[in-house]
C-alpha atoms as a PDB file:
ATOM      1  CA  MET A   1     125.648  65.313 219.909  1.00  0.00           C
ATOM      2  CA  PHE A   2     128.814  63.208 219.588  1.00  0.00           C
ATOM      3  CA  HIS A   3     129.482  64.627 216.140  1.00  0.00           C
ATOM      4  CA  CYS A   4     129.202  68.189 217.507  1.00  0.00           C
ATOM      5  CA  LYS A   5     131.659  67.532 220.349  1.00  0.00           C
ATOM      6  CA  CYS A   6     134.110  65.910 217.975  1.00  0.00           C
ATOM      7  CA  SER A   7     133.938  68.868 215.614  1.00  0.00           C
ATOM      8  CA  ARG A   8     134.738  71.227 218.454  1.00  0.00           C
ATOM      9  CA  TRP A   9     137.784  69.193 219.450  1.00  0.00           C
ATOM     10  CA  VAL A  10     138.966  69.055 215.852  1.00  0.00           C
ATOM     11  CA  LEU A  11     138.530  72.805 215.453  1.00  0.00           C
ATOM     12  CA  ALA A  12     140.435  73.481 218.687  1.00  0.00           C
ATOM     13  CA  TRP A  13     143.266  71.193 217.585  1.00  0.00           C
ATOM     14  CA  VAL A  14     143.493  72.922 214.192  1.00  0.00           C
ATOM     15  CA  LEU A  15     143.626  76.384 215.773  1.00  0.00           C
ATOM     16  CA  LEU A  16     146.254  75.233 218.253  1.00  0.00           C
ATOM     17  CA  SER A  17     148.352  73.773 215.468  1.00  0.00           C
ATOM     18  CA  PHE A  18     148.229  77.005 213.466  1.00  0.00           C
ATOM     19  CA  GLY A  19     149.163  78.970 216.597  1.00  0.00           C
ATOM     20  CA  ILE A  20     152.205  76.812 217.243  1.00  0.00           C
ATOM     21  CA  PHE A  21     153.202  77.001 213.568  1.00  0.00           C
ATOM     22  CA  PHE A  22     153.017  80.807 213.379  1.00  0.00           C
ATOM     23  CA  SER A  23     154.796  81.160 216.736  1.00  0.00           C
ATOM     24  CA  PHE A  24     157.644  79.061 215.348  1.00  0.00           C
ATOM     25  CA  LEU A  25     157.796  81.227 212.221  1.00  0.00           C
ATOM     26  CA  SER A  26     157.844  84.435 214.298  1.00  0.00           C
ATOM     27  CA  VAL A  27     160.688  83.205 216.502  1.00  0.00           C
ATOM     28  CA  ALA A  28     162.653  81.976 213.500  1.00  0.00           C
ATOM     29  CA  PHE A  29     162.127  85.290 211.666  1.00  0.00           C
ATOM     30  CA  PHE A  30     163.324  87.478 214.529  1.00  0.00           C
ATOM     31  CA  GLN A  31     166.279  85.231 215.216  1.00  0.00           C
ATOM     32  CA  LEU A  32     167.349  85.538 211.594  1.00  0.00           C
ATOM     33  CA  ASP A  33     166.560  89.244 211.214  1.00  0.00           C
ATOM     34  CA  THR A  34     167.749  90.706 214.528  1.00  0.00           C
ATOM     35  CA  PRO A  35     171.481  90.702 215.359  1.00  0.00           C
ATOM     36  CA  ASN A  36     172.636  89.639 218.799  1.00  0.00           C
ATOM     37  CA  ILE A  37     173.751  93.005 220.278  1.00  0.00           C
ATOM     38  CA  SER A  38     175.893  92.865 223.387  1.00  0.00           C
ATOM     39  CA  SER A  39     175.213  95.077 226.412  1.00  0.00           C
ATOM     40  CA  ASP A  40     178.659  96.669 225.979  1.00  0.00           C
ATOM     41  CA  THR A  41     177.764  97.712 222.430  1.00  0.00           C
ATOM     42  CA  ILE A  42     174.506  99.246 223.616  1.00  0.00           C
ATOM     43  CA  LYS A  43     176.294 101.139 226.417  1.00  0.00           C
ATOM     44  CA  GLN A  44     178.877 102.459 223.958  1.00  0.00           C
ATOM     45  CA  HIS A  45     176.136 103.584 221.584  1.00  0.00           C
ATOM     46  CA  LEU A  46     174.261 105.372 224.371  1.00  0.00           C
ATOM     47  CA  SER A  47     177.493 107.035 225.498  1.00  0.00           C
ATOM     48  CA  GLU A  48     178.105 108.328 221.966  1.00  0.00           C
ATOM     49  CA  LEU A  49     174.556 109.670 221.768  1.00  0.00           C
ATOM     50  CA  LYS A  50     175.005 111.420 225.118  1.00  0.00           C
ATOM     51  CA  GLN A  51     178.245 113.019 223.959  1.00  0.00           C
ATOM     52  CA  LYS A  52     176.530 114.334 220.829  1.00  0.00           C
ATOM     53  CA  LYS A  53     173.562 115.596 222.845  1.00  0.00           C
ATOM     54  CA  TYR A  54     175.820 117.664 225.102  1.00  0.00           C
ATOM     55  CA  ALA A  55     178.492 118.563 222.536  1.00  0.00           C
ATOM     56  CA  PHE A  56     177.413 122.215 222.800  1.00  0.00           C
ATOM     57  CA  LEU A  57     178.959 122.404 226.278  1.00  0.00           C
ATOM     58  CA  ALA A  58     182.445 122.594 224.776  1.00  0.00           C
ATOM     59  CA  ASP A  59     181.634 125.947 223.132  1.00  0.00           C
ATOM     60  CA  ILE A  60     180.192 127.667 226.201  1.00  0.00           C
ATOM     61  CA  ASP A  61     182.152 130.772 227.223  1.00  0.00           C
ATOM     62  CA  THR A  62     181.940 131.458 230.955  1.00  0.00           C
ATOM     63  CA  THR A  63     184.669 134.116 231.086  1.00  0.00           C
ATOM     64  CA  THR A  64     183.778 136.902 228.617  1.00  0.00           C
ATOM     65  CA  ASP A  65     181.729 139.629 230.305  1.00  0.00           C
ATOM     66  CA  ASP A  66     178.983 139.842 227.667  1.00  0.00           C
ATOM     67  CA  SER A  67     178.618 136.061 227.296  1.00  0.00           C
ATOM     68  CA  LEU A  68     175.199 134.676 228.219  1.00  0.00           C
ATOM     69  CA  TYR A  69     177.106 132.204 230.376  1.00  0.00           C
ATOM     70  CA  LYS A  70     179.436 134.622 232.169  1.00  0.00           C
ATOM     71  CA  PHE A  71     180.182 133.117 235.576  1.00  0.00           C
ATOM     72  CA  VAL A  72     180.582 135.402 238.568  1.00  0.00           C
ATOM     73  CA  HIS A  73     181.172 134.310 242.130  1.00  0.00           C
ATOM     74  CA  PRO A  74     182.420 135.844 245.407  1.00  0.00           C
ATOM     75  CA  ASP A  75     185.947 135.120 244.144  1.00  0.00           C
ATOM     76  CA  ILE A  76     185.307 135.761 240.432  1.00  0.00           C
ATOM     77  CA  SER A  77     184.287 139.202 239.161  1.00  0.00           C
ATOM     78  CA  PHE A  78     183.536 140.691 235.774  1.00  0.00           C
ATOM     79  CA  ASN A  79     186.737 141.398 233.870  1.00  0.00           C
ATOM     80  CA  GLU A  80     185.652 145.024 233.736  1.00  0.00           C
ATOM     81  CA  LYS A  81     184.150 145.488 237.172  1.00  0.00           C
ATOM     82  CA  SER A  82     181.890 148.345 236.050  1.00  0.00           C
ATOM     83  CA  TYR A  83     180.620 146.281 233.075  1.00  0.00           C
ATOM     84  CA  ILE A  84     177.281 147.421 231.581  1.00  0.00           C
ATOM     85  CA  PRO A  85     175.373 145.162 229.141  1.00  0.00           C
ATOM     86  CA  GLU A  86     174.719 146.831 225.766  1.00  0.00           C
ATOM     87  CA  ASN A  87     171.260 145.418 225.035  1.00  0.00           C
ATOM     88  CA  LEU A  88     169.263 146.187 228.157  1.00  0.00           C
ATOM     89  CA  VAL A  89     165.525 146.603 227.588  1.00  0.00           C
ATOM     90  CA  LYS A  90     162.661 147.505 229.878  1.00  0.00           C
ATOM     91  CA  ILE A  91     160.747 144.486 231.088  1.00  0.00           C
ATOM     92  CA  ASN A  92     157.457 144.181 229.247  1.00  0.00           C
ATOM     93  CA  SER A  93     154.572 144.111 231.730  1.00  0.00           C
ATOM     94  CA  GLU A  94     152.008 142.116 229.719  1.00  0.00           C
ATOM     95  CA  TYR A  95     152.652 138.980 231.770  1.00  0.00           C
ATOM     96  CA  VAL A  96     155.094 140.419 234.321  1.00  0.00           C
ATOM     97  CA  PHE A  97     154.416 142.687 237.271  1.00  0.00           C
ATOM     98  CA  ASP A  98     157.519 144.823 237.802  1.00  0.00           C
ATOM     99  CA  THR A  99     157.366 146.174 241.356  1.00  0.00           C
ATOM    100  CA  LYS A 100     159.871 148.924 240.553  1.00  0.00           C
ATOM    101  CA  GLY A 101     158.327 149.913 237.231  1.00  0.00           C
ATOM    102  CA  TYR A 102     161.672 150.496 235.527  1.00  0.00           C
ATOM    103  CA  SER A 103     163.490 147.153 235.732  1.00  0.00           C
ATOM    104  CA  THR A 104     165.550 146.016 232.748  1.00  0.00           C
ATOM    105  CA  LEU A 105     167.118 142.819 231.434  1.00  0.00           C
ATOM    106  CA  ARG A 106     169.157 141.881 228.409  1.00  0.00           C
ATOM    107  CA  THR A 107     167.009 141.290 225.341  1.00  0.00           C
ATOM    108  CA  GLU A 108     167.454 137.514 225.335  1.00  0.00           C
ATOM    109  CA  ALA A 109     166.573 137.211 228.999  1.00  0.00           C
ATOM    110  CA  ASN A 110     163.565 139.491 228.672  1.00  0.00           C
ATOM    111  CA  GLU A 111     162.134 137.530 225.737  1.00  0.00           C
ATOM    112  CA  ALA A 112     162.539 134.260 227.619  1.00  0.00           C
ATOM    113  CA  LEU A 113     161.017 135.823 230.730  1.00  0.00           C
ATOM    114  CA  GLN A 114     157.930 136.863 228.786  1.00  0.00           C
ATOM    115  CA  SER A 115     157.416 133.335 227.480  1.00  0.00           C
ATOM    116  CA  MET A 116     157.846 131.853 230.947  1.00  0.00           C
ATOM    117  CA  ALA A 117     155.611 134.485 232.552  1.00  0.00           C
ATOM    118  CA  LYS A 118     152.854 133.742 230.033  1.00  0.00           C
ATOM    119  CA  ALA A 119     152.931 130.049 230.974  1.00  0.00           C
ATOM    120  CA  PHE A 120     153.024 131.004 234.660  1.00  0.00           C
ATOM    121  CA  GLN A 121     149.953 133.213 234.248  1.00  0.00           C
ATOM    122  CA  GLN A 122     148.116 130.413 232.461  1.00  0.00           C
ATOM    123  CA  GLU A 123     148.915 128.111 235.373  1.00  0.00           C
ATOM    124  CA  PHE A 124     148.159 130.431 238.308  1.00  0.00           C
ATOM    125  CA  GLY A 125     146.063 133.228 236.835  1.00  0.00           C
ATOM    126  CA  ILE A 126     148.428 135.966 238.028  1.00  0.00           C
ATOM    127  CA  LYS A 127     151.420 137.823 236.624  1.00  0.00           C
ATOM    128  CA  LEU A 128     154.932 136.728 237.486  1.00  0.00           C
ATOM    129  CA  THR A 129     156.223 139.326 239.941  1.00  0.00           C
ATOM    130  CA  VAL A 130     159.740 140.721 239.490  1.00  0.00           C
ATOM    131  CA  VAL A 131     161.277 142.533 242.452  1.00  0.00           C
ATOM    132  CA  SER A 132     164.791 142.985 241.055  1.00  0.00           C
ATOM    133  CA  ALA A 133     166.505 142.535 237.696  1.00  0.00           C
ATOM    134  CA  TYR A 134     169.537 144.380 236.274  1.00  0.00           C
ATOM    135  CA  ARG A 135     171.630 146.226 238.847  1.00  0.00           C
ATOM    136  CA  SER A 136     174.557 148.437 237.927  1.00  0.00           C
ATOM    137  CA  TYR A 137     177.932 148.332 239.654  1.00  0.00           C
ATOM    138  CA  ALA A 138     177.046 151.552 241.505  1.00  0.00           C
ATOM    139  CA  TYR A 139     173.652 150.198 242.591  1.00  0.00           C
ATOM    140  CA  GLN A 140     175.221 147.010 243.951  1.00  0.00           C
ATOM    141  CA  LYS A 141     177.905 149.036 245.726  1.00  0.00           C
ATOM    142  CA  GLY A 142     175.164 151.049 247.420  1.00  0.00           C
ATOM    143  CA  ILE A 143     173.541 147.847 248.669  1.00  0.00           C
ATOM    144  CA  LYS A 144     176.846 146.675 250.118  1.00  0.00           C
ATOM    145  CA  ASP A 145     177.631 150.076 251.616  1.00  0.00           C
ATOM    146  CA  ARG A 146     174.336 149.876 253.502  1.00  0.00           C
ATOM    147  CA  GLY A 147     175.570 146.734 255.227  1.00  0.00           C
ATOM    148  CA  CYS A 148     174.198 143.742 253.340  1.00  0.00           C
ATOM    149  CA  PRO A 149     176.429 140.784 254.366  1.00  0.00           C
ATOM    150  CA  ASP A 150     178.517 138.832 251.860  1.00  0.00           C
ATOM    151  CA  ASN A 151     176.524 135.624 252.344  1.00  0.00           C
ATOM    152  CA  LEU A 152     173.400 137.387 251.077  1.00  0.00           C
ATOM    153  CA  CYS A 153     174.593 140.106 248.708  1.00  0.00           C
ATOM    154  CA  ALA A 154     177.339 139.931 246.102  1.00  0.00           C
ATOM    155  CA  LYS A 155     180.093 142.500 246.101  1.00  0.00           C
ATOM    156  CA  ALA A 156     179.882 145.137 243.374  1.00  0.00           C
ATOM    157  CA  GLY A 157     181.371 143.672 240.223  1.00  0.00           C
ATOM    158  CA  HIS A 158     180.488 140.117 241.322  1.00  0.00           C
ATOM    159  CA  SER A 159     176.686 140.086 240.999  1.00  0.00           C
ATOM    160  CA  GLU A 160     174.677 138.090 238.452  1.00  0.00           C
ATOM    161  CA  HIS A 161     172.248 140.999 238.412  1.00  0.00           C
ATOM    162  CA  GLN A 162     174.963 143.170 236.843  1.00  0.00           C
ATOM    163  CA  SER A 163     175.036 140.776 233.871  1.00  0.00           C
ATOM    164  CA  GLY A 164     171.462 141.754 233.008  1.00  0.00           C
ATOM    165  CA  LEU A 165     170.538 138.068 233.210  1.00  0.00           C
ATOM    166  CA  GLY A 166     169.609 137.664 236.882  1.00  0.00           C
ATOM    167  CA  VAL A 167     166.107 138.255 238.223  1.00  0.00           C
ATOM    168  CA  ASP A 168     164.426 137.954 241.627  1.00  0.00           C
ATOM    169  CA  PHE A 169     160.786 136.852 241.837  1.00  0.00           C
ATOM    170  CA  PHE A 170     158.064 137.827 244.352  1.00  0.00           C
ATOM    171  CA  ARG A 171     160.213 138.636 247.386  1.00  0.00           C
ATOM    172  CA  ALA A 172     163.865 138.258 248.314  1.00  0.00           C
ATOM    173  CA  THR A 173     163.712 137.100 251.912  1.00  0.00           C
ATOM    174  CA  THR A 174     164.887 133.720 253.197  1.00  0.00           C
ATOM    175  CA  GLN A 175     164.666 130.100 252.133  1.00  0.00           C
ATOM    176  CA  ALA A 176     162.494 129.344 255.181  1.00  0.00           C
ATOM    177  CA  ASP A 177     160.078 132.140 254.253  1.00  0.00           C
ATOM    178  CA  TRP A 178     159.637 130.696 250.774  1.00  0.00           C
ATOM    179  CA  LEU A 179     159.234 127.100 251.875  1.00  0.00           C
ATOM    180  CA  ASN A 180     156.807 127.968 254.673  1.00  0.00           C
ATOM    181  CA  ASP A 181     154.605 130.175 252.509  1.00  0.00           C
ATOM    182  CA  PRO A 182     152.108 127.925 250.647  1.00  0.00           C
ATOM    183  CA  LYS A 183     151.879 130.230 247.620  1.00  0.00           C
ATOM    184  CA  LEU A 184     155.595 130.907 247.304  1.00  0.00           C
ATOM    185  CA  SER A 185     156.340 127.231 247.787  1.00  0.00           C
ATOM    186  CA  GLN A 186     153.889 126.401 245.006  1.00  0.00           C
ATOM    187  CA  TYR A 187     155.436 129.003 242.712  1.00  0.00           C
ATOM    188  CA  PHE A 188     158.921 127.649 243.437  1.00  0.00           C
ATOM    189  CA  ASP A 189     157.810 124.103 242.636  1.00  0.00           C
ATOM    190  CA  TRP A 190     156.452 125.299 239.288  1.00  0.00           C
ATOM    191  CA  LEU A 191     159.635 127.209 238.483  1.00  0.00           C
ATOM    192  CA  SER A 192     161.756 124.213 239.465  1.00  0.00           C
ATOM    193  CA  GLU A 193     159.859 122.022 237.015  1.00  0.00           C
ATOM    194  CA  ASN A 194     159.513 124.496 234.157  1.00  0.00           C
ATOM    195  CA  ALA A 195     162.031 127.367 234.264  1.00  0.00           C
ATOM    196  CA  HIS A 196     164.775 125.410 232.491  1.00  0.00           C
ATOM    197  CA  LEU A 197     162.508 125.089 229.443  1.00  0.00           C
ATOM    198  CA  TYR A 198     162.862 128.855 229.045  1.00  0.00           C
ATOM    199  CA  GLY A 199     166.569 128.980 229.873  1.00  0.00           C
ATOM    200  CA  PHE A 200     166.364 129.967 233.555  1.00  0.00           C
ATOM    201  CA  HIS A 201     168.355 128.329 236.329  1.00  0.00           C
ATOM    202  CA  ASN A 202     168.019 128.683 240.097  1.00  0.00           C
ATOM    203  CA  THR A 203     171.658 129.602 240.671  1.00  0.00           C
ATOM    204  CA  TYR A 204     171.872 129.432 244.457  1.00  0.00           C
ATOM    205  CA  GLN A 205     170.462 126.087 245.563  1.00  0.00           C
ATOM    206  CA  LEU A 206     173.120 124.473 247.726  1.00  0.00           C
ATOM    207  CA  GLY A 207     174.439 127.135 250.076  1.00  0.00           C
ATOM    208  CA  ILE A 208     177.627 129.100 250.629  1.00  0.00           C
ATOM    209  CA  GLU A 209     180.171 126.284 250.453  1.00  0.00           C
ATOM    210  CA  ILE A 210     179.106 125.314 246.932  1.00  0.00           C
ATOM    211  CA  ASP A 211     177.341 128.272 245.306  1.00  0.00           C
ATOM    212  CA  GLY A 212     178.941 131.096 247.316  1.00  0.00           C
ATOM    213  CA  TYR A 213     175.705 132.440 248.843  1.00  0.00           C
ATOM    214  CA  GLU A 214     172.806 131.366 251.007  1.00  0.00           C
ATOM    215  CA  ILE A 215     170.069 129.344 249.286  1.00  0.00           C
ATOM    216  CA  GLU A 216     167.824 131.731 247.334  1.00  0.00           C
ATOM    217  CA  PRO A 217     164.598 130.225 245.908  1.00  0.00           C
ATOM    218  CA  TRP A 218     163.701 133.630 244.440  1.00  0.00           C
ATOM    219  CA  HIS A 219     166.875 134.154 242.386  1.00  0.00           C
ATOM    220  CA  TRP A 220     166.905 132.842 238.819  1.00  0.00           C
ATOM    221  CA  ARG A 221     169.386 133.501 236.065  1.00  0.00           C
ATOM    222  CA  TYR A 222     168.926 133.247 232.303  1.00  0.00           C
ATOM    223  CA  MET A 223     171.532 131.153 230.495  1.00  0.00           C
ATOM    224  CA  TRP A 224     169.924 129.521 227.412  1.00  0.00           C
ATOM    225  CA  ALA A 225     167.607 126.525 227.556  1.00  0.00           C
ATOM    226  CA  PRO A 226     170.061 123.727 226.562  1.00  0.00           C
ATOM    227  CA  LEU A 227     172.477 124.618 229.359  1.00  0.00           C
ATOM    228  CA  ALA A 228     169.710 125.164 231.925  1.00  0.00           C
ATOM    229  CA  GLY A 229     168.247 121.811 230.863  1.00  0.00           C
ATOM    230  CA  TYR A 230     171.622 120.101 231.204  1.00  0.00           C
ATOM    231  CA  LEU A 231     172.029 121.414 234.758  1.00  0.00           C
ATOM    232  CA  LYS A 232     168.534 120.232 235.684  1.00  0.00           C
ATOM    233  CA  ASP A 233     169.016 116.820 234.063  1.00  0.00           C
ATOM    234  CA  HIS A 234     172.189 116.312 236.091  1.00  0.00           C
ATOM    235  CA  ASN A 235     170.857 117.945 239.268  1.00  0.00           C
ATOM    236  CA  ILE A 236     173.796 120.320 239.616  1.00  0.00           C
ATOM    237  CA  THR A 237     174.173 124.069 239.944  1.00  0.00           C
ATOM    238  CA  PHE A 238     175.967 126.415 237.568  1.00  0.00           C
ATOM    239  CA  ALA A 239     178.762 126.876 240.117  1.00  0.00           C
ATOM    240  CA  GLN A 240     179.273 123.126 240.389  1.00  0.00           C
ATOM    241  CA  TRP A 241     179.513 122.760 236.626  1.00  0.00           C
ATOM    242  CA  VAL A 242     181.947 125.681 236.163  1.00  0.00           C
ATOM    243  CA  LEU A 243     184.179 125.073 239.180  1.00  0.00           C
ATOM    244  CA  TRP A 244     184.185 121.273 239.263  1.00  0.00           C
ATOM    245  CA  LYS A 245     184.335 120.312 235.590  1.00  0.00           C
END
């Protein structure tokens, strides 16, 4: 019995010794192999990576009418107020329910919409409903002539819909209506988390003083996924980025 106990103690001591030895080697190895990097160096490196990641922002054209990033606002119109996009196409209805039956978007926006609508249908089992897409200068003028106030409807020549990149989903009512409707609220949450992956941005999120119009959960605008992702990552709207940069 004594011999057995002694053997156990010896074995434990040997294992402990090897553990200490290899721990010493590991510490010595990493101290020799890994340089001592300062926090300032790491911050500088991360800053450089961030600048490279968002380098594309310098080439974004927000002023040319046919740019995917054309910025319009109550005080900023299209250069040619009656501008008409050249590549308008009818919205495919495979994953989209077009309430009008004749709505159009620019090709790039339509292709992105189809991809997003397919993912939406997989999530909710229904088509993504479009109630308004491209609107001509004359169409927008008619809306204004019928009395739609400036805080809700853009003046003709100032509407994102005229760019062929803006689209309204489900129903254009009020922010309260969307947030108080369980289904619409659920759809908005999904769009908020996923739309940027397809290049769509909820343009009017912060109200008149910042975005120029009332908050519109239904209004989304195509602008290319990297830019839409940048705006989401930084929790800012398109108007903030254009007017405050």
